[in-house]
N, C-alpha and C. Protein backbone atom coordinates (compact mmCIF):
# COMPACT_ATOMS: atom_id res chain seq x y z
N MET A 1 54.76 28.03 11.08
CA MET A 1 54.59 28.75 9.82
C MET A 1 55.00 30.21 10.02
N THR A 2 55.76 30.74 9.08
CA THR A 2 56.22 32.12 9.17
C THR A 2 55.07 33.06 8.81
N PRO A 3 54.81 34.06 9.65
CA PRO A 3 53.72 35.00 9.35
C PRO A 3 53.95 35.73 8.02
N ALA A 4 52.87 35.92 7.27
CA ALA A 4 52.96 36.54 5.94
C ALA A 4 53.56 37.95 6.01
N ILE A 5 53.23 38.70 7.03
CA ILE A 5 53.76 40.07 7.14
C ILE A 5 55.27 40.03 7.35
N TYR A 6 55.76 39.07 8.11
CA TYR A 6 57.21 38.89 8.26
C TYR A 6 57.83 38.62 6.89
N THR A 7 57.26 37.67 6.18
CA THR A 7 57.79 37.27 4.87
C THR A 7 57.76 38.44 3.88
N ALA A 8 56.77 39.28 3.97
CA ALA A 8 56.64 40.42 3.05
C ALA A 8 57.49 41.62 3.44
N SER A 9 58.10 41.56 4.62
CA SER A 9 58.85 42.73 5.07
C SER A 9 60.33 42.43 5.32
N ILE A 10 60.63 41.62 6.28
CA ILE A 10 62.02 41.42 6.70
C ILE A 10 62.93 40.94 5.56
N PRO A 11 62.57 39.89 4.83
CA PRO A 11 63.46 39.47 3.73
C PRO A 11 63.61 40.55 2.65
N VAL A 12 62.56 41.32 2.42
CA VAL A 12 62.61 42.39 1.42
C VAL A 12 63.56 43.49 1.89
N PHE A 13 63.43 43.91 3.14
CA PHE A 13 64.32 44.94 3.67
C PHE A 13 65.78 44.46 3.63
N LYS A 14 66.00 43.20 4.01
CA LYS A 14 67.37 42.66 4.00
C LYS A 14 67.95 42.66 2.59
N GLN A 15 67.19 42.18 1.63
CA GLN A 15 67.67 42.13 0.26
C GLN A 15 67.99 43.52 -0.28
N MET A 16 67.07 44.44 -0.10
CA MET A 16 67.24 45.77 -0.68
C MET A 16 68.31 46.58 0.04
N LEU A 17 68.42 46.43 1.35
CA LEU A 17 69.51 47.12 2.06
C LEU A 17 70.86 46.53 1.64
N GLY A 18 70.90 45.24 1.37
CA GLY A 18 72.11 44.63 0.85
C GLY A 18 72.47 45.21 -0.51
N GLY A 19 71.47 45.38 -1.37
CA GLY A 19 71.70 46.01 -2.67
C GLY A 19 72.17 47.44 -2.52
N LEU A 20 71.56 48.18 -1.61
CA LEU A 20 71.96 49.57 -1.37
C LEU A 20 73.39 49.63 -0.87
N SER A 21 73.76 48.72 0.01
CA SER A 21 75.14 48.66 0.49
C SER A 21 76.11 48.42 -0.67
N GLY A 22 75.75 47.53 -1.57
CA GLY A 22 76.59 47.26 -2.73
C GLY A 22 76.71 48.46 -3.65
N VAL A 23 75.62 49.16 -3.85
CA VAL A 23 75.63 50.37 -4.68
C VAL A 23 76.53 51.44 -4.04
N LEU A 24 76.44 51.57 -2.73
CA LEU A 24 77.30 52.54 -2.03
C LEU A 24 78.78 52.16 -2.16
N ALA A 25 79.07 50.87 -2.11
CA ALA A 25 80.46 50.42 -2.27
C ALA A 25 80.97 50.79 -3.66
N LYS A 26 80.14 50.62 -4.67
CA LYS A 26 80.54 51.00 -6.02
C LYS A 26 80.71 52.51 -6.14
N ALA A 27 79.87 53.26 -5.45
CA ALA A 27 80.00 54.72 -5.46
C ALA A 27 81.31 55.16 -4.81
N GLU A 28 81.66 54.52 -3.72
CA GLU A 28 82.91 54.86 -3.04
C GLU A 28 84.11 54.51 -3.93
N ALA A 29 84.04 53.39 -4.61
CA ALA A 29 85.12 53.02 -5.54
C ALA A 29 85.19 54.00 -6.71
N HIS A 30 84.05 54.46 -7.17
CA HIS A 30 83.98 55.45 -8.26
C HIS A 30 84.68 56.74 -7.85
N VAL A 31 84.40 57.20 -6.66
CA VAL A 31 85.02 58.42 -6.13
C VAL A 31 86.54 58.27 -6.09
N ALA A 32 87.00 57.13 -5.60
CA ALA A 32 88.45 56.89 -5.52
C ALA A 32 89.08 56.82 -6.91
N ALA A 33 88.44 56.10 -7.82
CA ALA A 33 88.99 55.93 -9.17
C ALA A 33 89.03 57.23 -9.94
N LYS A 34 88.02 58.05 -9.78
CA LYS A 34 87.93 59.32 -10.51
C LYS A 34 88.59 60.48 -9.77
N LYS A 35 89.05 60.20 -8.54
CA LYS A 35 89.69 61.21 -7.71
C LYS A 35 88.80 62.47 -7.56
N ILE A 36 87.56 62.20 -7.19
CA ILE A 36 86.64 63.31 -6.93
C ILE A 36 86.27 63.34 -5.45
N ASP A 37 85.81 64.47 -5.00
CA ASP A 37 85.39 64.64 -3.62
C ASP A 37 84.15 63.78 -3.37
N ALA A 38 84.18 62.97 -2.34
CA ALA A 38 83.04 62.10 -2.01
C ALA A 38 81.76 62.89 -1.83
N ASN A 39 81.85 64.11 -1.34
CA ASN A 39 80.65 64.92 -1.13
C ASN A 39 79.94 65.26 -2.43
N ALA A 40 80.65 65.16 -3.55
CA ALA A 40 79.99 65.38 -4.84
C ALA A 40 78.87 64.36 -5.03
N LEU A 41 79.05 63.16 -4.53
CA LEU A 41 77.99 62.15 -4.60
C LEU A 41 77.12 62.14 -3.36
N LEU A 42 77.73 62.24 -2.20
CA LEU A 42 76.97 62.19 -0.95
C LEU A 42 75.92 63.31 -0.86
N GLN A 43 76.24 64.47 -1.42
CA GLN A 43 75.33 65.61 -1.35
C GLN A 43 74.57 65.86 -2.65
N ALA A 44 74.73 64.97 -3.62
CA ALA A 44 74.03 65.13 -4.90
C ALA A 44 72.53 64.91 -4.72
N ARG A 45 71.76 65.62 -5.53
CA ARG A 45 70.30 65.55 -5.50
C ARG A 45 69.78 65.37 -6.92
N LEU A 46 68.59 64.81 -7.04
CA LEU A 46 67.94 64.77 -8.35
C LEU A 46 67.29 66.10 -8.67
N SER A 47 66.88 66.80 -7.65
CA SER A 47 66.22 68.09 -7.81
C SER A 47 66.54 68.91 -6.56
N PRO A 48 66.62 70.23 -6.70
CA PRO A 48 66.98 71.06 -5.54
C PRO A 48 66.07 70.89 -4.33
N ASP A 49 64.81 70.50 -4.56
CA ASP A 49 63.89 70.37 -3.43
C ASP A 49 63.82 68.95 -2.86
N MET A 50 64.75 68.09 -3.29
CA MET A 50 64.79 66.72 -2.77
C MET A 50 65.97 66.54 -1.82
N PHE A 51 65.89 65.53 -0.98
CA PHE A 51 67.01 65.20 -0.10
C PHE A 51 68.23 64.80 -0.92
N PRO A 52 69.42 65.08 -0.40
CA PRO A 52 70.64 64.58 -1.05
C PRO A 52 70.75 63.07 -0.85
N MET A 53 71.66 62.46 -1.62
CA MET A 53 71.82 61.01 -1.59
C MET A 53 72.05 60.49 -0.18
N LEU A 54 72.92 61.13 0.59
CA LEU A 54 73.20 60.69 1.96
C LEU A 54 71.91 60.60 2.78
N ARG A 55 71.09 61.61 2.69
CA ARG A 55 69.83 61.62 3.45
C ARG A 55 68.85 60.56 2.93
N GLN A 56 68.88 60.30 1.63
CA GLN A 56 68.02 59.25 1.07
C GLN A 56 68.35 57.90 1.73
N VAL A 57 69.64 57.63 1.91
CA VAL A 57 70.06 56.38 2.54
C VAL A 57 69.61 56.35 4.00
N GLN A 58 69.76 57.47 4.69
CA GLN A 58 69.32 57.53 6.08
C GLN A 58 67.82 57.23 6.19
N VAL A 59 67.04 57.86 5.33
CA VAL A 59 65.59 57.69 5.41
C VAL A 59 65.19 56.28 5.00
N ALA A 60 65.83 55.72 3.98
CA ALA A 60 65.52 54.33 3.59
C ALA A 60 65.79 53.39 4.76
N SER A 61 66.92 53.56 5.42
CA SER A 61 67.24 52.70 6.56
C SER A 61 66.29 52.96 7.73
N ASP A 62 65.86 54.20 7.88
CA ASP A 62 64.86 54.51 8.92
C ASP A 62 63.56 53.76 8.67
N PHE A 63 63.12 53.72 7.42
CA PHE A 63 61.89 52.99 7.12
C PHE A 63 62.07 51.50 7.40
N ALA A 64 63.20 50.94 7.02
CA ALA A 64 63.43 49.51 7.26
C ALA A 64 63.34 49.19 8.75
N LYS A 65 63.99 49.99 9.58
CA LYS A 65 64.01 49.69 11.02
C LYS A 65 62.68 50.03 11.70
N SER A 66 62.10 51.17 11.35
CA SER A 66 60.89 51.58 12.05
C SER A 66 59.68 50.75 11.65
N VAL A 67 59.55 50.46 10.37
CA VAL A 67 58.43 49.62 9.93
C VAL A 67 58.56 48.23 10.55
N SER A 68 59.76 47.67 10.51
CA SER A 68 59.97 46.35 11.11
C SER A 68 59.65 46.35 12.59
N ALA A 69 60.14 47.34 13.30
CA ALA A 69 59.90 47.42 14.74
C ALA A 69 58.40 47.54 15.06
N ARG A 70 57.73 48.42 14.36
CA ARG A 70 56.30 48.61 14.64
C ARG A 70 55.50 47.34 14.35
N LEU A 71 55.83 46.69 13.24
CA LEU A 71 55.12 45.46 12.90
C LEU A 71 55.38 44.36 13.94
N ALA A 72 56.59 44.35 14.49
CA ALA A 72 56.95 43.35 15.50
C ALA A 72 56.45 43.73 16.89
N GLY A 73 55.99 44.96 17.05
CA GLY A 73 55.50 45.41 18.36
C GLY A 73 56.61 45.73 19.34
N VAL A 74 57.78 46.15 18.83
CA VAL A 74 58.91 46.52 19.69
C VAL A 74 59.24 47.98 19.49
N ASP A 75 60.03 48.52 20.40
CA ASP A 75 60.44 49.92 20.29
C ASP A 75 61.30 50.14 19.06
N VAL A 76 61.09 51.29 18.42
CA VAL A 76 61.89 51.66 17.26
C VAL A 76 63.24 52.17 17.75
N PRO A 77 64.33 51.55 17.29
CA PRO A 77 65.65 52.04 17.72
C PRO A 77 65.93 53.43 17.16
N LYS A 78 66.64 54.21 17.91
CA LYS A 78 67.01 55.56 17.49
C LYS A 78 68.41 55.53 16.88
N LEU A 79 68.58 56.25 15.79
CA LEU A 79 69.89 56.44 15.18
C LEU A 79 70.16 57.94 15.13
N ALA A 80 71.42 58.32 15.23
CA ALA A 80 71.79 59.73 15.39
C ALA A 80 71.66 60.57 14.12
N ASP A 81 71.61 59.97 12.95
CA ASP A 81 71.60 60.73 11.69
C ASP A 81 72.80 61.66 11.57
N ASP A 82 73.96 61.16 11.98
CA ASP A 82 75.17 61.99 11.92
C ASP A 82 76.19 61.48 10.90
N GLU A 83 75.74 60.66 9.97
CA GLU A 83 76.65 60.10 8.98
C GLU A 83 77.15 61.20 8.04
N LYS A 84 78.42 61.05 7.66
CA LYS A 84 79.03 62.04 6.76
C LYS A 84 79.80 61.39 5.61
N THR A 85 80.06 60.09 5.71
CA THR A 85 80.90 59.40 4.72
C THR A 85 80.21 58.13 4.24
N PHE A 86 80.78 57.55 3.18
CA PHE A 86 80.27 56.26 2.72
C PHE A 86 80.43 55.20 3.81
N ALA A 87 81.54 55.22 4.52
CA ALA A 87 81.76 54.26 5.61
C ALA A 87 80.70 54.42 6.69
N ASP A 88 80.35 55.66 7.00
CA ASP A 88 79.29 55.90 7.99
C ASP A 88 77.96 55.31 7.53
N LEU A 89 77.65 55.49 6.25
CA LEU A 89 76.40 54.95 5.72
C LEU A 89 76.41 53.43 5.73
N GLN A 90 77.55 52.83 5.42
CA GLN A 90 77.67 51.37 5.47
C GLN A 90 77.45 50.87 6.90
N ALA A 91 78.00 51.58 7.86
CA ALA A 91 77.82 51.20 9.27
C ALA A 91 76.36 51.31 9.67
N ARG A 92 75.68 52.33 9.19
CA ARG A 92 74.26 52.51 9.49
C ARG A 92 73.45 51.35 8.93
N ILE A 93 73.72 51.01 7.69
CA ILE A 93 73.00 49.89 7.07
C ILE A 93 73.27 48.61 7.84
N ALA A 94 74.51 48.38 8.24
CA ALA A 94 74.86 47.18 9.01
C ALA A 94 74.11 47.15 10.35
N THR A 95 73.99 48.30 10.99
CA THR A 95 73.25 48.40 12.25
C THR A 95 71.78 48.04 12.06
N VAL A 96 71.19 48.58 11.01
CA VAL A 96 69.77 48.30 10.74
C VAL A 96 69.59 46.83 10.37
N LEU A 97 70.48 46.30 9.55
CA LEU A 97 70.38 44.88 9.19
C LEU A 97 70.49 44.00 10.44
N ALA A 98 71.41 44.32 11.33
CA ALA A 98 71.54 43.53 12.56
C ALA A 98 70.26 43.59 13.39
N PHE A 99 69.65 44.77 13.45
CA PHE A 99 68.41 44.91 14.20
C PHE A 99 67.29 44.06 13.59
N ILE A 100 67.06 44.21 12.29
CA ILE A 100 65.93 43.49 11.70
C ILE A 100 66.19 41.98 11.64
N GLU A 101 67.45 41.58 11.48
CA GLU A 101 67.76 40.15 11.49
C GLU A 101 67.54 39.54 12.88
N GLY A 102 67.59 40.37 13.91
CA GLY A 102 67.38 39.90 15.28
C GLY A 102 65.92 39.81 15.68
N LEU A 103 65.01 40.22 14.81
CA LEU A 103 63.58 40.15 15.13
C LEU A 103 63.06 38.75 14.83
N ASP A 104 62.57 38.09 15.86
CA ASP A 104 62.04 36.74 15.69
C ASP A 104 60.73 36.81 14.89
N ALA A 105 60.57 35.89 13.98
CA ALA A 105 59.36 35.84 13.14
C ALA A 105 58.09 35.74 13.98
N ALA A 106 58.17 35.12 15.15
CA ALA A 106 56.99 34.97 16.01
C ALA A 106 56.44 36.32 16.46
N LEU A 107 57.28 37.34 16.52
CA LEU A 107 56.82 38.68 16.90
C LEU A 107 55.81 39.24 15.89
N PHE A 108 55.79 38.67 14.70
CA PHE A 108 54.93 39.16 13.62
C PHE A 108 53.62 38.38 13.52
N ASP A 109 53.37 37.48 14.47
CA ASP A 109 52.16 36.66 14.42
C ASP A 109 50.89 37.48 14.30
N GLU A 110 50.80 38.57 15.01
CA GLU A 110 49.60 39.43 15.00
C GLU A 110 49.82 40.71 14.21
N ALA A 111 50.89 40.78 13.44
CA ALA A 111 51.26 42.02 12.76
C ALA A 111 50.21 42.51 11.77
N ALA A 112 49.55 41.62 11.08
CA ALA A 112 48.58 42.03 10.06
C ALA A 112 47.44 42.85 10.65
N THR A 113 47.04 42.52 11.87
CA THR A 113 45.90 43.20 12.48
C THR A 113 46.32 44.20 13.57
N ARG A 114 47.61 44.22 13.88
CA ARG A 114 48.10 45.15 14.89
C ARG A 114 47.84 46.58 14.45
N GLU A 115 47.38 47.44 15.38
CA GLU A 115 47.19 48.84 15.04
C GLU A 115 48.54 49.55 15.08
N ILE A 116 48.82 50.27 14.01
CA ILE A 116 50.05 51.04 13.90
C ILE A 116 49.65 52.51 13.84
N VAL A 117 50.23 53.31 14.72
CA VAL A 117 49.95 54.74 14.76
C VAL A 117 51.25 55.48 14.48
N THR A 118 51.21 56.35 13.50
CA THR A 118 52.41 57.14 13.17
C THR A 118 52.05 58.62 13.16
N GLN A 119 53.08 59.40 13.20
CA GLN A 119 52.95 60.84 13.07
C GLN A 119 54.13 61.29 12.21
N ALA A 120 54.07 60.91 10.96
CA ALA A 120 55.21 61.06 10.05
C ALA A 120 55.43 62.50 9.61
N GLY A 121 56.30 63.19 10.30
CA GLY A 121 56.72 64.51 9.87
C GLY A 121 55.65 65.59 9.90
N THR A 122 54.47 65.28 10.35
CA THR A 122 53.40 66.27 10.42
C THR A 122 52.69 66.12 11.76
N PRO A 123 51.93 67.11 12.13
CA PRO A 123 51.18 66.97 13.39
C PRO A 123 50.00 66.01 13.27
N LYS A 124 49.70 65.54 12.07
CA LYS A 124 48.57 64.64 11.88
C LYS A 124 48.96 63.20 12.17
N GLU A 125 48.18 62.58 12.99
CA GLU A 125 48.36 61.18 13.33
C GLU A 125 47.72 60.31 12.24
N LYS A 126 48.41 59.22 11.89
CA LYS A 126 47.85 58.27 10.92
C LYS A 126 47.72 56.93 11.61
N ARG A 127 46.60 56.26 11.33
CA ARG A 127 46.34 54.95 11.91
C ARG A 127 46.19 53.93 10.79
N PHE A 128 46.83 52.79 11.00
CA PHE A 128 46.83 51.71 10.01
C PHE A 128 46.62 50.38 10.72
N THR A 129 46.17 49.39 9.97
CA THR A 129 46.38 48.02 10.40
C THR A 129 47.79 47.68 9.94
N GLY A 130 48.38 46.66 10.52
CA GLY A 130 49.73 46.27 10.10
C GLY A 130 49.79 45.95 8.62
N GLU A 131 48.77 45.28 8.11
CA GLU A 131 48.75 44.93 6.68
C GLU A 131 48.74 46.19 5.81
N SER A 132 47.90 47.13 6.13
CA SER A 132 47.85 48.39 5.37
C SER A 132 49.16 49.16 5.53
N TYR A 133 49.69 49.15 6.73
CA TYR A 133 50.93 49.88 7.01
C TYR A 133 52.08 49.39 6.16
N ILE A 134 52.28 48.08 6.07
CA ILE A 134 53.41 47.57 5.30
C ILE A 134 53.21 47.78 3.80
N PHE A 135 52.01 47.48 3.30
CA PHE A 135 51.79 47.50 1.85
C PHE A 135 51.48 48.88 1.28
N ASN A 136 50.82 49.73 2.04
CA ASN A 136 50.43 51.03 1.52
C ASN A 136 51.29 52.18 2.00
N TYR A 137 52.10 51.96 3.00
CA TYR A 137 52.92 53.03 3.56
C TYR A 137 54.40 52.64 3.64
N GLY A 138 54.71 51.61 4.39
CA GLY A 138 56.10 51.26 4.68
C GLY A 138 56.92 50.90 3.46
N LEU A 139 56.48 49.89 2.71
CA LEU A 139 57.25 49.47 1.54
C LEU A 139 57.32 50.55 0.46
N PRO A 140 56.21 51.24 0.13
CA PRO A 140 56.33 52.29 -0.88
C PRO A 140 57.34 53.38 -0.50
N HIS A 141 57.34 53.81 0.74
CA HIS A 141 58.31 54.83 1.16
C HIS A 141 59.73 54.29 1.14
N PHE A 142 59.92 53.07 1.62
CA PHE A 142 61.24 52.45 1.61
C PHE A 142 61.78 52.37 0.18
N PHE A 143 60.96 51.87 -0.73
CA PHE A 143 61.40 51.74 -2.12
C PHE A 143 61.66 53.10 -2.76
N PHE A 144 60.87 54.11 -2.43
CA PHE A 144 61.11 55.45 -2.97
C PHE A 144 62.52 55.92 -2.62
N HIS A 145 62.90 55.79 -1.36
CA HIS A 145 64.20 56.31 -0.93
C HIS A 145 65.37 55.45 -1.41
N THR A 146 65.20 54.13 -1.46
CA THR A 146 66.29 53.31 -1.99
C THR A 146 66.45 53.58 -3.49
N THR A 147 65.35 53.71 -4.19
CA THR A 147 65.41 53.99 -5.63
C THR A 147 66.02 55.35 -5.90
N THR A 148 65.66 56.34 -5.11
CA THR A 148 66.20 57.68 -5.32
C THR A 148 67.70 57.72 -5.05
N ALA A 149 68.16 57.04 -4.00
CA ALA A 149 69.60 56.99 -3.74
C ALA A 149 70.32 56.35 -4.93
N TYR A 150 69.78 55.24 -5.42
CA TYR A 150 70.35 54.57 -6.59
C TYR A 150 70.37 55.52 -7.80
N ALA A 151 69.24 56.18 -8.06
CA ALA A 151 69.11 57.05 -9.23
C ALA A 151 70.09 58.22 -9.17
N ILE A 152 70.29 58.78 -8.00
CA ILE A 152 71.25 59.88 -7.85
C ILE A 152 72.64 59.41 -8.23
N LEU A 153 73.02 58.27 -7.72
CA LEU A 153 74.37 57.75 -8.01
C LEU A 153 74.51 57.39 -9.49
N ARG A 154 73.51 56.74 -10.05
CA ARG A 154 73.55 56.37 -11.47
C ARG A 154 73.61 57.61 -12.34
N HIS A 155 72.82 58.61 -12.01
CA HIS A 155 72.79 59.87 -12.75
C HIS A 155 74.15 60.57 -12.72
N ASN A 156 74.88 60.34 -11.64
CA ASN A 156 76.19 60.99 -11.48
C ASN A 156 77.35 60.11 -11.94
N GLY A 157 77.06 59.12 -12.74
CA GLY A 157 78.10 58.36 -13.40
C GLY A 157 78.59 57.10 -12.73
N VAL A 158 78.03 56.75 -11.59
CA VAL A 158 78.44 55.51 -10.94
C VAL A 158 77.89 54.35 -11.78
N GLU A 159 78.77 53.41 -12.11
CA GLU A 159 78.38 52.30 -12.98
C GLU A 159 77.66 51.22 -12.18
N VAL A 160 76.36 51.44 -12.02
CA VAL A 160 75.50 50.48 -11.35
C VAL A 160 74.32 50.18 -12.27
N GLY A 161 73.75 49.03 -12.08
CA GLY A 161 72.61 48.63 -12.89
C GLY A 161 71.54 47.97 -12.03
N LYS A 162 70.58 47.42 -12.70
CA LYS A 162 69.43 46.80 -12.04
C LYS A 162 69.86 45.69 -11.08
N LYS A 163 70.82 44.86 -11.47
CA LYS A 163 71.27 43.78 -10.60
C LYS A 163 71.88 44.33 -9.31
N ASP A 164 72.55 45.46 -9.40
CA ASP A 164 73.12 46.09 -8.20
C ASP A 164 72.00 46.57 -7.28
N TYR A 165 71.00 47.22 -7.87
CA TYR A 165 69.88 47.75 -7.09
C TYR A 165 69.13 46.62 -6.38
N ILE A 166 68.85 45.55 -7.12
CA ILE A 166 68.04 44.46 -6.58
C ILE A 166 68.76 43.71 -5.46
N GLY A 167 70.08 43.59 -5.55
CA GLY A 167 70.81 42.87 -4.52
C GLY A 167 70.69 41.36 -4.69
N THR A 168 71.06 40.64 -3.66
CA THR A 168 71.06 39.18 -3.70
C THR A 168 69.75 38.64 -3.14
N TYR A 169 69.17 37.73 -3.85
CA TYR A 169 67.94 37.09 -3.37
C TYR A 169 68.03 35.60 -3.51
């Protein structure tokens, strides 16, 4: 039997990263068709105090890989955060997808009760059970960043809709 935490995380990350990849492909096609500088979209923000679209994709992929790794009890892979183009972002998503697809479901057998300790961007340590971590921290943050990347692109004229965001399921 597949562990519930695996079912609630890995397939969701795969589906949504696939949708994000598709949205990025449409954004790249939009740039080419409109003959605009790709950085107009890559560096676009919803608000001056928010991350640009490129960083939103990086952070969304970071949540997918780090949450999956912690729940599986394996080391979190490091990525350089040096992407500058749509192709770079696509490669990053492909790397994260390959990592999470390689995690055996059996690694998640004890994930619900596994203690997860994070220190997310602050000196304060946070402690979770795996169940609390995925549902109250990991998925909400992941969805925030995937949604924000989508919203930035949609706001800037890229013709994407709900089906693009959701991806294939």
